[in-house]
Amino acid sequence: MAHPSDINIDYVANLARLALTDQEKEVFSRQLGDVMRYIEKLSEVDVSQVEPTAHAFPVHNVWADDVPQPGLPVEAALQNAPARRDNMIVVPVVVE
C-alpha cells in the first residue's frame, strides 16, 4: 500500500476531473493521507477467523402484499408537471 506521503494529489485530482486550488490540494492531500493511514491501521486487524459477509447483520426483504389499489386521480398526478397536454406530461424530445 502506498505511504500517505507518496500521494500525488495532482494525479488523483486529474483522475477525478477536479480542478483544485493550492489550498484545496493541501487540505485534500492531508485528508486523503488520514484515510490511507486509517486503512493501514485496519489492515493490522486479524480477521482470519471472521467469515466473509456482505452485511454485518442479516438482511431480510420485507414486502407488503401485492394488492391492487386505486391509482392517483389524473389531476393529482399532473399537478406538478411543468407542462401537460391531453392528461399527459409533456417532456423535451430526446430522440428524433
PDB file of N, CA and C in Angstrom:
ATOM      1  N   MET A   1       0.857  -1.183   0.000  1.00  0.00           N
ATOM      2  CA  MET A   1       0.000   0.000   0.000  1.00  0.00           C
ATOM      3  C   MET A   1       0.896   1.237   0.000  1.00  0.00           C
ATOM      4  N   ALA A   2       0.479   2.227  -0.753  1.00  0.00           N
ATOM      5  CA  ALA A   2       1.254   3.466  -0.836  1.00  0.00           C
ATOM      6  C   ALA A   2       1.276   4.169   0.507  1.00  0.00           C
ATOM      7  N   HIS A   3       2.404   4.764   0.792  1.00  0.00           N
ATOM      8  CA  HIS A   3       2.523   5.541   2.023  1.00  0.00           C
ATOM      9  C   HIS A   3       1.778   6.855   1.831  1.00  0.00           C
ATOM     10  N   PRO A   4       1.087   7.349   2.884  1.00  0.00           N
ATOM     11  CA  PRO A   4       0.306   8.589   2.747  1.00  0.00           C
ATOM     12  C   PRO A   4       1.094   9.765   2.184  1.00  0.00           C
ATOM     13  N   SER A   5       2.400   9.816   2.464  1.00  0.00           N
ATOM     14  CA  SER A   5       3.186  10.943   1.954  1.00  0.00           C
ATOM     15  C   SER A   5       3.499  10.789   0.466  1.00  0.00           C
ATOM     16  N   ASP A   6       3.238   9.583  -0.097  1.00  0.00           N
ATOM     17  CA  ASP A   6       3.509   9.330  -1.510  1.00  0.00           C
ATOM     18  C   ASP A   6       2.332   9.703  -2.412  1.00  0.00           C
ATOM     19  N   ILE A   7       1.264  10.246  -1.850  1.00  0.00           N
ATOM     20  CA  ILE A   7       0.066  10.555  -2.633  1.00  0.00           C
ATOM     21  C   ILE A   7       0.343  11.740  -3.550  1.00  0.00           C
ATOM     22  N   ASN A   8       0.093  11.542  -4.828  1.00  0.00           N
ATOM     23  CA  ASN A   8       0.231  12.614  -5.807  1.00  0.00           C
ATOM     24  C   ASN A   8      -1.156  13.220  -5.997  1.00  0.00           C
ATOM     25  N   ILE A   9      -1.438  14.287  -5.272  1.00  0.00           N
ATOM     26  CA  ILE A   9      -2.772  14.879  -5.260  1.00  0.00           C
ATOM     27  C   ILE A   9      -3.144  15.416  -6.644  1.00  0.00           C
ATOM     28  N   ASP A  10      -2.174  15.870  -7.425  1.00  0.00           N
ATOM     29  CA  ASP A  10      -2.475  16.346  -8.782  1.00  0.00           C
ATOM     30  C   ASP A  10      -2.980  15.196  -9.644  1.00  0.00           C
ATOM     31  N   TYR A  11      -2.348  14.024  -9.515  1.00  0.00           N
ATOM     32  CA  TYR A  11      -2.761  12.849 -10.281  1.00  0.00           C
ATOM     33  C   TYR A  11      -4.161  12.410  -9.869  1.00  0.00           C
ATOM     34  N   VAL A  12      -4.422  12.361  -8.554  1.00  0.00           N
ATOM     35  CA  VAL A  12      -5.735  11.954  -8.050  1.00  0.00           C
ATOM     36  C   VAL A  12      -6.806  12.948  -8.495  1.00  0.00           C
ATOM     37  N   ALA A  13      -6.512  14.229  -8.413  1.00  0.00           N
ATOM     38  CA  ALA A  13      -7.470  15.260  -8.837  1.00  0.00           C
ATOM     39  C   ALA A  13      -7.763  15.127 -10.328  1.00  0.00           C
ATOM     40  N   ASN A  14      -6.747  14.833 -11.122  1.00  0.00           N
ATOM     41  CA  ASN A  14      -6.948  14.654 -12.564  1.00  0.00           C
ATOM     42  C   ASN A  14      -7.843  13.450 -12.832  1.00  0.00           C
ATOM     43  N   LEU A  15      -7.635  12.352 -12.118  1.00  0.00           N
ATOM     44  CA  LEU A  15      -8.481  11.169 -12.284  1.00  0.00           C
ATOM     45  C   LEU A  15      -9.942  11.487 -11.968  1.00  0.00           C
ATOM     46  N   ALA A  16     -10.136  12.324 -10.947  1.00  0.00           N
ATOM     47  CA  ALA A  16     -11.490  12.686 -10.521  1.00  0.00           C
ATOM     48  C   ALA A  16     -12.036  13.870 -11.322  1.00  0.00           C
ATOM     49  N   ARG A  17     -11.247  14.356 -12.263  1.00  0.00           N
ATOM     50  CA  ARG A  17     -11.640  15.504 -13.087  1.00  0.00           C
ATOM     51  C   ARG A  17     -11.975  16.726 -12.221  1.00  0.00           C
ATOM     52  N   LEU A  18     -11.095  16.987 -11.248  1.00  0.00           N
ATOM     53  CA  LEU A  18     -11.273  18.117 -10.348  1.00  0.00           C
ATOM     54  C   LEU A  18     -10.183  19.149 -10.589  1.00  0.00           C
ATOM     55  N   ALA A  19     -10.570  20.404 -10.596  1.00  0.00           N
ATOM     56  CA  ALA A  19      -9.605  21.497 -10.650  1.00  0.00           C
ATOM     57  C   ALA A  19      -9.502  22.051  -9.237  1.00  0.00           C
ATOM     58  N   LEU A  20      -8.361  21.831  -8.591  1.00  0.00           N
ATOM     59  CA  LEU A  20      -8.206  22.223  -7.199  1.00  0.00           C
ATOM     60  C   LEU A  20      -7.272  23.418  -7.065  1.00  0.00           C
ATOM     61  N   THR A  21      -7.598  24.290  -6.116  1.00  0.00           N
ATOM     62  CA  THR A  21      -6.701  25.386  -5.783  1.00  0.00           C
ATOM     63  C   THR A  21      -5.568  24.816  -4.937  1.00  0.00           C
ATOM     64  N   ASP A  22      -4.509  25.581  -4.750  1.00  0.00           N
ATOM     65  CA  ASP A  22      -3.394  25.119  -3.918  1.00  0.00           C
ATOM     66  C   ASP A  22      -3.858  24.833  -2.496  1.00  0.00           C
ATOM     67  N   GLN A  23      -4.769  25.669  -1.984  1.00  0.00           N
ATOM     68  CA  GLN A  23      -5.282  25.469  -0.629  1.00  0.00           C
ATOM     69  C   GLN A  23      -6.096  24.170  -0.559  1.00  0.00           C
ATOM     70  N   GLU A  24      -6.934  23.907  -1.570  1.00  0.00           N
ATOM     71  CA  GLU A  24      -7.717  22.673  -1.591  1.00  0.00           C
ATOM     72  C   GLU A  24      -6.804  21.456  -1.705  1.00  0.00           C
ATOM     73  N   LYS A  25      -5.749  21.561  -2.509  1.00  0.00           N
ATOM     74  CA  LYS A  25      -4.792  20.457  -2.640  1.00  0.00           C
ATOM     75  C   LYS A  25      -4.167  20.122  -1.296  1.00  0.00           C
ATOM     76  N   GLU A  26      -3.813  21.153  -0.555  1.00  0.00           N
ATOM     77  CA  GLU A  26      -3.204  20.936   0.759  1.00  0.00           C
ATOM     78  C   GLU A  26      -4.182  20.241   1.706  1.00  0.00           C
ATOM     79  N   VAL A  27      -5.416  20.732   1.751  1.00  0.00           N
ATOM     80  CA  VAL A  27      -6.432  20.169   2.638  1.00  0.00           C
ATOM     81  C   VAL A  27      -6.764  18.734   2.236  1.00  0.00           C
ATOM     82  N   PHE A  28      -7.032  18.514   0.939  1.00  0.00           N
ATOM     83  CA  PHE A  28      -7.439  17.186   0.479  1.00  0.00           C
ATOM     84  C   PHE A  28      -6.290  16.190   0.565  1.00  0.00           C
ATOM     85  N   SER A  29      -5.081  16.643   0.339  1.00  0.00           N
ATOM     86  CA  SER A  29      -3.924  15.764   0.462  1.00  0.00           C
ATOM     87  C   SER A  29      -3.796  15.275   1.901  1.00  0.00           C
ATOM     88  N   ARG A  30      -3.969  16.186   2.837  1.00  0.00           N
ATOM     89  CA  ARG A  30      -3.902  15.822   4.258  1.00  0.00           C
ATOM     90  C   ARG A  30      -5.037  14.853   4.613  1.00  0.00           C
ATOM     91  N   GLN A  31      -6.253  15.134   4.129  1.00  0.00           N
ATOM     92  CA  GLN A  31      -7.396  14.263   4.421  1.00  0.00           C
ATOM     93  C   GLN A  31      -7.219  12.883   3.790  1.00  0.00           C
ATOM     94  N   LEU A  32      -6.745  12.846   2.557  1.00  0.00           N
ATOM     95  CA  LEU A  32      -6.514  11.567   1.895  1.00  0.00           C
ATOM     96  C   LEU A  32      -5.424  10.777   2.619  1.00  0.00           C
ATOM     97  N   GLY A  33      -4.413  11.474   3.085  1.00  0.00           N
ATOM     98  CA  GLY A  33      -3.363  10.830   3.890  1.00  0.00           C
ATOM     99  C   GLY A  33      -3.932  10.228   5.156  1.00  0.00           C
ATOM    100  N   ASP A  34      -4.856  10.947   5.816  1.00  0.00           N
ATOM    101  CA  ASP A  34      -5.509  10.419   7.028  1.00  0.00           C
ATOM    102  C   ASP A  34      -6.290   9.149   6.713  1.00  0.00           C
ATOM    103  N   VAL A  35      -6.985   9.140   5.576  1.00  0.00           N
ATOM    104  CA  VAL A  35      -7.750   7.961   5.166  1.00  0.00           C
ATOM    105  C   VAL A  35      -6.803   6.783   4.929  1.00  0.00           C
ATOM    106  N   MET A  36      -5.701   7.041   4.233  1.00  0.00           N
ATOM    107  CA  MET A  36      -4.735   5.975   3.942  1.00  0.00           C
ATOM    108  C   MET A  36      -4.124   5.422   5.229  1.00  0.00           C
ATOM    109  N   ARG A  37      -3.809   6.288   6.174  1.00  0.00           N
ATOM    110  CA  ARG A  37      -3.272   5.820   7.463  1.00  0.00           C
ATOM    111  C   ARG A  37      -4.304   4.965   8.196  1.00  0.00           C
ATOM    112  N   TYR A  38      -5.571   5.342   8.126  1.00  0.00           N
ATOM    113  CA  TYR A  38      -6.634   4.567   8.771  1.00  0.00           C
ATOM    114  C   TYR A  38      -6.755   3.190   8.117  1.00  0.00           C
ATOM    115  N   ILE A  39      -6.654   3.144   6.803  1.00  0.00           N
ATOM    116  CA  ILE A  39      -6.722   1.860   6.098  1.00  0.00           C
ATOM    117  C   ILE A  39      -5.538   0.985   6.499  1.00  0.00           C
ATOM    118  N   GLU A  40      -4.358   1.589   6.611  1.00  0.00           N
ATOM    119  CA  GLU A  40      -3.183   0.827   7.067  1.00  0.00           C
ATOM    120  C   GLU A  40      -3.429   0.265   8.464  1.00  0.00           C
ATOM    121  N   LYS A  41      -4.048   1.056   9.318  1.00  0.00           N
ATOM    122  CA  LYS A  41      -4.350   0.619  10.691  1.00  0.00           C
ATOM    123  C   LYS A  41      -5.329  -0.556  10.650  1.00  0.00           C
ATOM    124  N   LEU A  42      -6.341  -0.473   9.791  1.00  0.00           N
ATOM    125  CA  LEU A  42      -7.311  -1.557   9.687  1.00  0.00           C
ATOM    126  C   LEU A  42      -6.675  -2.846   9.180  1.00  0.00           C
ATOM    127  N   SER A  43      -5.653  -2.732   8.333  1.00  0.00           N
ATOM    128  CA  SER A  43      -5.015  -3.929   7.789  1.00  0.00           C
ATOM    129  C   SER A  43      -4.260  -4.710   8.865  1.00  0.00           C
ATOM    130  N   GLU A  44      -4.049  -4.106  10.030  1.00  0.00           N
ATOM    131  CA  GLU A  44      -3.369  -4.786  11.137  1.00  0.00           C
ATOM    132  C   GLU A  44      -4.304  -5.723  11.908  1.00  0.00           C
ATOM    133  N   VAL A  45      -5.603  -5.593  11.707  1.00  0.00           N
ATOM    134  CA  VAL A  45      -6.577  -6.395  12.449  1.00  0.00           C
ATOM    135  C   VAL A  45      -6.590  -7.818  11.904  1.00  0.00           C
ATOM    136  N   ASP A  46      -6.543  -8.794  12.808  1.00  0.00           N
ATOM    137  CA  ASP A  46      -6.594 -10.203  12.416  1.00  0.00           C
ATOM    138  C   ASP A  46      -8.042 -10.589  12.138  1.00  0.00           C
ATOM    139  N   VAL A  47      -8.357 -10.837  10.884  1.00  0.00           N
ATOM    140  CA  VAL A  47      -9.709 -11.228  10.505  1.00  0.00           C
ATOM    141  C   VAL A  47      -9.738 -12.659   9.973  1.00  0.00           C
ATOM    142  N   SER A  48      -8.694 -13.428  10.281  1.00  0.00           N
ATOM    143  CA  SER A  48      -8.593 -14.784   9.749  1.00  0.00           C
ATOM    144  C   SER A  48      -9.724 -15.687  10.229  1.00  0.00           C
ATOM    145  N   GLN A  49     -10.317 -15.389  11.362  1.00  0.00           N
ATOM    146  CA  GLN A  49     -11.405 -16.208  11.902  1.00  0.00           C
ATOM    147  C   GLN A  49     -12.780 -15.607  11.627  1.00  0.00           C
ATOM    148  N   VAL A  50     -12.829 -14.547  10.825  1.00  0.00           N
ATOM    149  CA  VAL A  50     -14.094 -13.881  10.520  1.00  0.00           C
ATOM    150  C   VAL A  50     -14.588 -14.351   9.158  1.00  0.00           C
ATOM    151  N   GLU A  51     -15.808 -14.858   9.140  1.00  0.00           N
ATOM    152  CA  GLU A  51     -16.380 -15.325   7.885  1.00  0.00           C
ATOM    153  C   GLU A  51     -16.773 -14.131   7.015  1.00  0.00           C
ATOM    154  N   PRO A  52     -16.418 -14.174   5.727  1.00  0.00           N
ATOM    155  CA  PRO A  52     -16.779 -13.050   4.843  1.00  0.00           C
ATOM    156  C   PRO A  52     -18.292 -12.902   4.729  1.00  0.00           C
ATOM    157  N   THR A  53     -18.762 -11.674   4.800  1.00  0.00           N
ATOM    158  CA  THR A  53     -20.189 -11.391   4.646  1.00  0.00           C
ATOM    159  C   THR A  53     -20.353 -10.084   3.882  1.00  0.00           C
ATOM    160  N   ALA A  54     -21.513  -9.915   3.304  1.00  0.00           N
ATOM    161  CA  ALA A  54     -21.811  -8.666   2.605  1.00  0.00           C
ATOM    162  C   ALA A  54     -22.358  -7.627   3.579  1.00  0.00           C
ATOM    163  N   HIS A  55     -22.992  -8.090   4.665  1.00  0.00           N
ATOM    164  CA  HIS A  55     -23.588  -7.187   5.649  1.00  0.00           C
ATOM    165  C   HIS A  55     -23.231  -7.670   7.046  1.00  0.00           C
ATOM    166  N   ALA A  56     -23.129  -6.737   7.968  1.00  0.00           N
ATOM    167  CA  ALA A  56     -22.799  -7.101   9.341  1.00  0.00           C
ATOM    168  C   ALA A  56     -23.957  -7.832  10.026  1.00  0.00           C
ATOM    169  N   PHE A  57     -25.171  -7.554   9.603  1.00  0.00           N
ATOM    170  CA  PHE A  57     -26.363  -8.187  10.172  1.00  0.00           C
ATOM    171  C   PHE A  57     -27.160  -8.823   9.047  1.00  0.00           C
ATOM    172  N   PRO A  58     -27.931  -9.851   9.362  1.00  0.00           N
ATOM    173  CA  PRO A  58     -28.757 -10.460   8.316  1.00  0.00           C
ATOM    174  C   PRO A  58     -29.714  -9.421   7.718  1.00  0.00           C
ATOM    175  N   VAL A  59     -29.878  -9.467   6.419  1.00  0.00           N
ATOM    176  CA  VAL A  59     -30.766  -8.539   5.734  1.00  0.00           C
ATOM    177  C   VAL A  59     -31.931  -9.333   5.168  1.00  0.00           C
ATOM    178  N   HIS A  60     -33.122  -8.897   5.508  1.00  0.00           N
ATOM    179  CA  HIS A  60     -34.324  -9.567   5.033  1.00  0.00           C
ATOM    180  C   HIS A  60     -35.204  -8.542   4.338  1.00  0.00           C
ATOM    181  N   ASN A  61     -35.702  -8.896   3.174  1.00  0.00           N
ATOM    182  CA  ASN A  61     -36.642  -8.020   2.481  1.00  0.00           C
ATOM    183  C   ASN A  61     -38.003  -8.138   3.147  1.00  0.00           C
ATOM    184  N   VAL A  62     -38.606  -7.027   3.386  1.00  0.00           N
ATOM    185  CA  VAL A  62     -39.948  -7.008   3.952  1.00  0.00           C
ATOM    186  C   VAL A  62     -40.854  -6.421   2.881  1.00  0.00           C
ATOM    187  N   TRP A  63     -41.650  -7.274   2.292  1.00  0.00           N
ATOM    188  CA  TRP A  63     -42.509  -6.847   1.201  1.00  0.00           C
ATOM    189  C   TRP A  63     -43.951  -6.814   1.665  1.00  0.00           C
ATOM    190  N   ALA A  64     -44.652  -5.798   1.256  1.00  0.00           N
ATOM    191  CA  ALA A  64     -46.091  -5.744   1.506  1.00  0.00           C
ATOM    192  C   ALA A  64     -46.767  -6.662   0.485  1.00  0.00           C
ATOM    193  N   ASP A  65     -47.922  -7.170   0.834  1.00  0.00           N
ATOM    194  CA  ASP A  65     -48.679  -7.976  -0.113  1.00  0.00           C
ATOM    195  C   ASP A  65     -48.998  -7.123  -1.333  1.00  0.00           C
ATOM    196  N   ASP A  66     -48.915  -7.736  -2.498  1.00  0.00           N
ATOM    197  CA  ASP A  66     -49.183  -7.035  -3.744  1.00  0.00           C
ATOM    198  C   ASP A  66     -50.686  -7.024  -3.987  1.00  0.00           C
ATOM    199  N   VAL A  67     -51.332  -5.998  -3.427  1.00  0.00           N
ATOM    200  CA  VAL A  67     -52.781  -5.884  -3.528  1.00  0.00           C
ATOM    201  C   VAL A  67     -53.094  -4.672  -4.394  1.00  0.00           C
ATOM    202  N   PRO A  68     -53.856  -4.850  -5.462  1.00  0.00           N
ATOM    203  CA  PRO A  68     -54.201  -3.698  -6.316  1.00  0.00           C
ATOM    204  C   PRO A  68     -54.940  -2.631  -5.518  1.00  0.00           C
ATOM    205  N   GLN A  69     -54.561  -1.391  -5.778  1.00  0.00           N
ATOM    206  CA  GLN A  69     -55.220  -0.261  -5.133  1.00  0.00           C
ATOM    207  C   GLN A  69     -55.484   0.794  -6.193  1.00  0.00           C
ATOM    208  N   PRO A  70     -56.438   1.661  -5.938  1.00  0.00           N
ATOM    209  CA  PRO A  70     -56.702   2.710  -6.933  1.00  0.00           C
ATOM    210  C   PRO A  70     -55.488   3.626  -7.073  1.00  0.00           C
ATOM    211  N   GLY A  71     -55.232   4.087  -8.292  1.00  0.00           N
ATOM    212  CA  GLY A  71     -54.122   4.992  -8.544  1.00  0.00           C
ATOM    213  C   GLY A  71     -54.489   6.427  -8.209  1.00  0.00           C
ATOM    214  N   LEU A  72     -53.565   7.329  -8.487  1.00  0.00           N
ATOM    215  CA  LEU A  72     -53.819   8.748  -8.245  1.00  0.00           C
ATOM    216  C   LEU A  72     -54.835   9.270  -9.248  1.00  0.00           C
ATOM    217  N   PRO A  73     -55.664  10.205  -8.818  1.00  0.00           N
ATOM    218  CA  PRO A  73     -56.520  10.883  -9.793  1.00  0.00           C
ATOM    219  C   PRO A  73     -55.613  11.647 -10.774  1.00  0.00           C
ATOM    220  N   VAL A  74     -56.045  11.816 -12.003  1.00  0.00           N
ATOM    221  CA  VAL A  74     -55.248  12.465 -13.044  1.00  0.00           C
ATOM    222  C   VAL A  74     -54.763  13.837 -12.583  1.00  0.00           C
ATOM    223  N   GLU A  75     -55.621  14.643 -11.987  1.00  0.00           N
ATOM    224  CA  GLU A  75     -55.234  15.987 -11.554  1.00  0.00           C
ATOM    225  C   GLU A  75     -54.111  15.937 -10.527  1.00  0.00           C
ATOM    226  N   ALA A  76     -54.183  14.997  -9.587  1.00  0.00           N
ATOM    227  CA  ALA A  76     -53.138  14.884  -8.566  1.00  0.00           C
ATOM    228  C   ALA A  76     -51.818  14.436  -9.194  1.00  0.00           C
ATOM    229  N   ALA A  77     -51.880  13.512 -10.166  1.00  0.00           N
ATOM    230  CA  ALA A  77     -50.667  13.018 -10.817  1.00  0.00           C
ATOM    231  C   ALA A  77     -49.995  14.111 -11.647  1.00  0.00           C
ATOM    232  N   LEU A  78     -50.780  15.011 -12.206  1.00  0.00           N
ATOM    233  CA  LEU A  78     -50.237  16.043 -13.089  1.00  0.00           C
ATOM    234  C   LEU A  78     -50.024  17.395 -12.425  1.00  0.00           C
ATOM    235  N   GLN A  79     -50.333  17.507 -11.157  1.00  0.00           N
ATOM    236  CA  GLN A  79     -50.311  18.822 -10.511  1.00  0.00           C
ATOM    237  C   GLN A  79     -48.939  19.499 -10.532  1.00  0.00           C
ATOM    238  N   ASN A  80     -47.843  18.749 -10.518  1.00  0.00           N
ATOM    239  CA  ASN A  80     -46.506  19.353 -10.524  1.00  0.00           C
ATOM    240  C   ASN A  80     -45.817  19.254 -11.874  1.00  0.00           C
ATOM    241  N   ALA A  81     -46.529  18.799 -12.896  1.00  0.00           N
ATOM    242  CA  ALA A  81     -45.930  18.679 -14.221  1.00  0.00           C
ATOM    243  C   ALA A  81     -45.601  20.069 -14.760  1.00  0.00           C
ATOM    244  N   PRO A  82     -44.402  20.256 -15.307  1.00  0.00           N
ATOM    245  CA  PRO A  82     -44.049  21.572 -15.840  1.00  0.00           C
ATOM    246  C   PRO A  82     -44.883  21.942 -17.062  1.00  0.00           C
ATOM    247  N   ALA A  83     -45.294  20.932 -17.820  1.00  0.00           N
ATOM    248  CA  ALA A  83     -46.158  21.168 -18.978  1.00  0.00           C
ATOM    249  C   ALA A  83     -46.983  19.908 -19.194  1.00  0.00           C
ATOM    250  N   ARG A  84     -48.220  20.098 -19.659  1.00  0.00           N
ATOM    251  CA  ARG A  84     -49.063  18.927 -19.903  1.00  0.00           C
ATOM    252  C   ARG A  84     -49.976  19.157 -21.096  1.00  0.00           C
ATOM    253  N   ARG A  85     -50.370  18.022 -21.712  1.00  0.00           N
ATOM    254  CA  ARG A  85     -51.250  18.079 -22.868  1.00  0.00           C
ATOM    255  C   ARG A  85     -52.066  16.791 -22.869  1.00  0.00           C
ATOM    256  N   ASP A  86     -53.367  16.892 -23.007  1.00  0.00           N
ATOM    257  CA  ASP A  86     -54.268  15.734 -23.061  1.00  0.00           C
ATOM    258  C   ASP A  86     -54.031  14.760 -21.900  1.00  0.00           C
ATOM    259  N   ASN A  87     -53.972  15.286 -20.692  1.00  0.00           N
ATOM    260  CA  ASN A  87     -53.778  14.476 -19.486  1.00  0.00           C
ATOM    261  C   ASN A  87     -52.466  13.691 -19.503  1.00  0.00           C
ATOM    262  N   MET A  88     -51.425  14.263 -20.129  1.00  0.00           N
ATOM    263  CA  MET A  88     -50.105  13.647 -20.139  1.00  0.00           C
ATOM    264  C   MET A  88     -49.063  14.714 -19.805  1.00  0.00           C
ATOM    265  N   ILE A  89     -47.928  14.276 -19.276  1.00  0.00           N
ATOM    266  CA  ILE A  89     -46.824  15.180 -19.001  1.00  0.00           C
ATOM    267  C   ILE A  89     -46.048  15.388 -20.296  1.00  0.00           C
ATOM    268  N   VAL A  90     -45.780  16.629 -20.647  1.00  0.00           N
ATOM    269  CA  VAL A  90     -45.013  16.960 -21.842  1.00  0.00           C
ATOM    270  C   VAL A  90     -43.539  17.069 -21.433  1.00  0.00           C
ATOM    271  N   VAL A  91     -42.705  16.318 -22.138  1.00  0.00           N
ATOM    272  CA  VAL A  91     -41.258  16.327 -21.850  1.00  0.00           C
ATOM    273  C   VAL A  91     -40.501  16.709 -23.111  1.00  0.00           C
ATOM    274  N   PRO A  92     -39.261  17.181 -22.951  1.00  0.00           N
ATOM    275  CA  PRO A  92     -38.470  17.535 -24.133  1.00  0.00           C
ATOM    276  C   PRO A  92     -38.179  16.292 -24.981  1.00  0.00           C
ATOM    277  N   VAL A  93     -38.069  16.478 -26.271  1.00  0.00           N
ATOM    278  CA  VAL A  93     -37.737  15.380 -27.191  1.00  0.00           C
ATOM    279  C   VAL A  93     -36.273  15.007 -26.965  1.00  0.00           C
ATOM    280  N   VAL A  94     -36.010  13.712 -26.773  1.00  0.00           N
ATOM    281  CA  VAL A  94     -34.625  13.267 -26.598  1.00  0.00           C
ATOM    282  C   VAL A  94     -34.167  12.399 -27.756  1.00  0.00           C
ATOM    283  N   VAL A  95     -35.091  11.828 -28.507  1.00  0.00           N
ATOM    284  CA  VAL A  95     -34.764  11.017 -29.673  1.00  0.00           C
ATOM    285  C   VAL A  95     -35.686  11.451 -30.807  1.00  0.00           C
ATOM    286  N   GLU A  96     -35.109  11.686 -31.947  1.00  0.00           N
ATOM    287  CA  GLU A  96     -35.933  12.088 -33.091  1.00  0.00           C
ATOM    288  C   GLU A  96     -35.957  11.007 -34.130  1.00  0.00           C
TER     289      GLU A  96
END
